[in-house]
């Protein structure tokens, strides 16, 4: 979140010193927000057939991910989906959902994750600055026979 992989040096100071991103107006806490995304199918992709294995990932920092749900019917219902076994406490949680497609047409697929405190990720869209991006990931697909 604060780009630690770009760390090139460490300077010890006697008081709280704002870093590069804090001086640019970003938050100091750097708490990882609960997030999820759909990796397959891709946005705008065409799908054939009556079922599709939707796949993606979710992350909540140190709070783990106990649940992920997918919506395929314009928000009417959320389907709980299968999580792969965690690789570690802090790793991405991979998930999959066997979508039984009701028929040809255009569909919006959405995903949301719950963190280990029981809170669902925010549906409110927010830009990355100053406190990290938020919102639900959505892909639109076209299904043909």
Protein backbone atom coordinates (compact mmCIF):
# COMPACT_ATOMS: atom_id res chain seq x y z
CA UNK A 1 0.00 0.00 0.00
CA UNK A 2 2.87 2.34 0.68
CA UNK A 3 5.11 0.83 -2.00
CA UNK A 4 7.59 -0.84 0.34
CA UNK A 5 9.01 -2.87 -2.52
CA UNK A 6 10.52 0.38 -3.77
CA UNK A 7 12.38 0.93 -0.48
CA UNK A 8 15.96 1.98 -1.24
CA UNK A 9 17.11 3.47 2.08
CA UNK A 10 16.05 4.00 5.70
CA UNK A 11 16.67 7.18 7.66
CA UNK A 12 16.26 7.28 11.46
CA UNK A 13 14.66 10.49 12.76
CA UNK A 14 13.81 11.71 16.26
CA UNK A 15 10.19 12.68 15.52
CA UNK A 16 7.27 11.69 13.28
CA UNK A 17 8.27 12.56 9.73
CA UNK A 18 5.74 12.47 6.91
CA UNK A 19 6.75 10.24 4.05
CA UNK A 20 6.48 10.91 0.32
CA UNK A 21 2.83 9.80 0.01
CA UNK A 22 1.72 11.56 3.20
CA UNK A 23 3.21 14.82 1.87
CA UNK A 24 1.12 14.21 -1.29
CA UNK A 25 -2.07 14.05 0.85
CA UNK A 26 -2.41 10.28 1.35
CA UNK A 27 -3.34 8.73 4.69
CA UNK A 28 -0.67 7.71 7.17
CA UNK A 29 -2.33 4.51 8.43
CA UNK A 30 -2.15 2.48 5.19
CA UNK A 31 -4.83 -0.01 6.26
CA UNK A 32 -5.57 -2.46 3.45
CA UNK A 33 -9.24 -2.20 2.49
CA UNK A 34 -11.21 -5.35 1.88
CA UNK A 35 -11.33 -5.90 -1.87
CA UNK A 36 -12.28 -8.52 -4.42
CA UNK A 37 -12.12 -8.80 -8.17
CA UNK A 38 -13.25 -10.98 -11.05
CA UNK A 39 -10.39 -12.22 -13.21
CA UNK A 40 -12.35 -14.55 -15.51
CA UNK A 41 -14.32 -13.71 -17.55
CA UNK A 42 -12.76 -10.45 -18.62
CA UNK A 43 -14.80 -7.27 -19.02
CA UNK A 44 -16.53 -7.22 -22.42
CA UNK A 45 -15.78 -10.89 -23.07
CA UNK A 46 -18.13 -13.09 -25.07
CA UNK A 47 -19.14 -16.42 -23.52
CA UNK A 48 -20.72 -19.47 -25.18
CA UNK A 49 -22.64 -22.19 -23.43
CA UNK A 50 -24.81 -22.80 -20.40
CA UNK A 51 -22.20 -22.60 -17.65
CA UNK A 52 -18.96 -20.81 -16.95
CA UNK A 53 -16.37 -21.07 -14.16
CA UNK A 54 -16.03 -17.50 -12.87
CA UNK A 55 -12.72 -16.95 -11.04
CA UNK A 56 -11.10 -14.20 -9.04
CA UNK A 57 -9.41 -13.19 -5.82
CA UNK A 58 -10.02 -11.26 -2.61
CA UNK A 59 -7.84 -9.66 0.07
CA UNK A 60 -8.37 -7.95 3.45
CA UNK A 61 -4.82 -7.48 4.71
CA UNK A 62 -4.43 -9.11 8.14
CA UNK A 63 -8.20 -9.63 8.57
CA UNK A 64 -8.49 -12.73 6.32
CA UNK A 65 -11.41 -13.51 3.99
CA UNK A 66 -14.10 -15.92 5.27
CA UNK A 67 -16.72 -15.25 2.55
CA UNK A 68 -16.99 -14.09 -1.04
CA UNK A 69 -20.22 -13.67 -2.99
CA UNK A 70 -21.04 -13.12 -6.67
CA UNK A 71 -24.08 -11.42 -8.16
CA UNK A 72 -25.24 -12.14 -11.73
CA UNK A 73 -28.81 -10.76 -11.65
CA UNK A 74 -28.53 -6.98 -11.30
CA UNK A 75 -28.22 -7.07 -7.51
CA UNK A 76 -31.30 -9.20 -6.77
CA UNK A 77 -29.40 -12.03 -5.08
CA UNK A 78 -25.86 -12.85 -3.97
CA UNK A 79 -24.46 -16.37 -4.31
CA UNK A 80 -21.89 -17.59 -1.81
CA UNK A 81 -18.98 -19.12 -3.61
CA UNK A 82 -16.16 -21.57 -3.02
CA UNK A 83 -12.88 -20.30 -1.63
CA UNK A 84 -9.64 -22.11 -2.41
CA UNK A 85 -7.58 -23.08 0.66
CA UNK A 86 -5.55 -20.09 1.89
CA UNK A 87 -1.87 -20.05 0.98
CA UNK A 88 -1.11 -18.01 4.12
CA UNK A 89 -2.89 -15.66 6.53
CA UNK A 90 -1.95 -12.62 4.44
CA UNK A 91 -2.17 -14.04 0.90
CA UNK A 92 -4.79 -13.40 -1.75
CA UNK A 93 -7.80 -15.69 -1.37
CA UNK A 94 -8.60 -17.26 -4.72
CA UNK A 95 -12.23 -18.16 -5.37
CA UNK A 96 -14.41 -19.75 -8.05
CA UNK A 97 -18.08 -19.89 -8.90
CA UNK A 98 -19.78 -22.25 -11.34
CA UNK A 99 -22.25 -19.91 -13.01
CA UNK A 100 -25.27 -21.64 -14.51
CA UNK A 101 -26.17 -19.18 -17.26
CA UNK A 102 -29.93 -18.63 -17.64
CA UNK A 103 -29.70 -17.92 -21.37
CA UNK A 104 -28.21 -15.68 -24.04
CA UNK A 105 -27.90 -11.98 -23.30
CA UNK A 106 -25.82 -9.33 -21.60
CA UNK A 107 -24.93 -9.81 -17.92
CA UNK A 108 -23.16 -7.73 -15.28
CA UNK A 109 -21.22 -9.87 -12.79
CA UNK A 110 -20.28 -8.32 -9.44
CA UNK A 111 -18.23 -9.63 -6.54
CA UNK A 112 -17.93 -8.70 -2.86
CA UNK A 113 -15.86 -10.05 0.03
CA UNK A 114 -16.33 -10.18 3.78
CA UNK A 115 -13.35 -9.66 6.08
CA UNK A 116 -12.62 -11.61 9.25
CA UNK A 117 -14.40 -8.98 11.40
CA UNK A 118 -17.69 -9.73 9.60
CA UNK A 119 -17.74 -6.54 7.50
CA UNK A 120 -18.48 -6.59 3.79
CA UNK A 121 -16.26 -4.52 1.54
CA UNK A 122 -17.57 -1.05 0.79
CA UNK A 123 -19.91 -0.70 -2.18
CA UNK A 124 -19.15 3.02 -2.30
CA UNK A 125 -16.67 3.74 -5.10
CA UNK A 126 -13.59 5.67 -4.00
CA UNK A 127 -10.48 6.72 -5.88
CA UNK A 128 -7.09 5.44 -4.65
CA UNK A 129 -6.07 8.78 -3.10
CA UNK A 130 -6.04 9.60 -0.25
CA UNK A 131 -6.99 6.36 1.51
CA UNK A 132 -7.04 3.51 -1.02
CA UNK A 133 -9.57 2.51 -3.68
CA UNK A 134 -12.96 1.06 -2.75
CA UNK A 135 -16.08 -0.23 -4.47
CA UNK A 136 -17.31 -3.46 -6.01
CA UNK A 137 -15.64 -4.92 -9.09
CA UNK A 138 -17.97 -5.55 -12.03
CA UNK A 139 -17.52 -7.08 -15.46
CA UNK A 140 -20.08 -7.12 -18.25
CA UNK A 141 -20.23 -10.14 -20.54
CA UNK A 142 -22.31 -11.20 -23.53
CA UNK A 143 -23.55 -14.78 -23.62
CA UNK A 144 -24.39 -16.50 -26.90
CA UNK A 145 -26.01 -19.92 -27.38
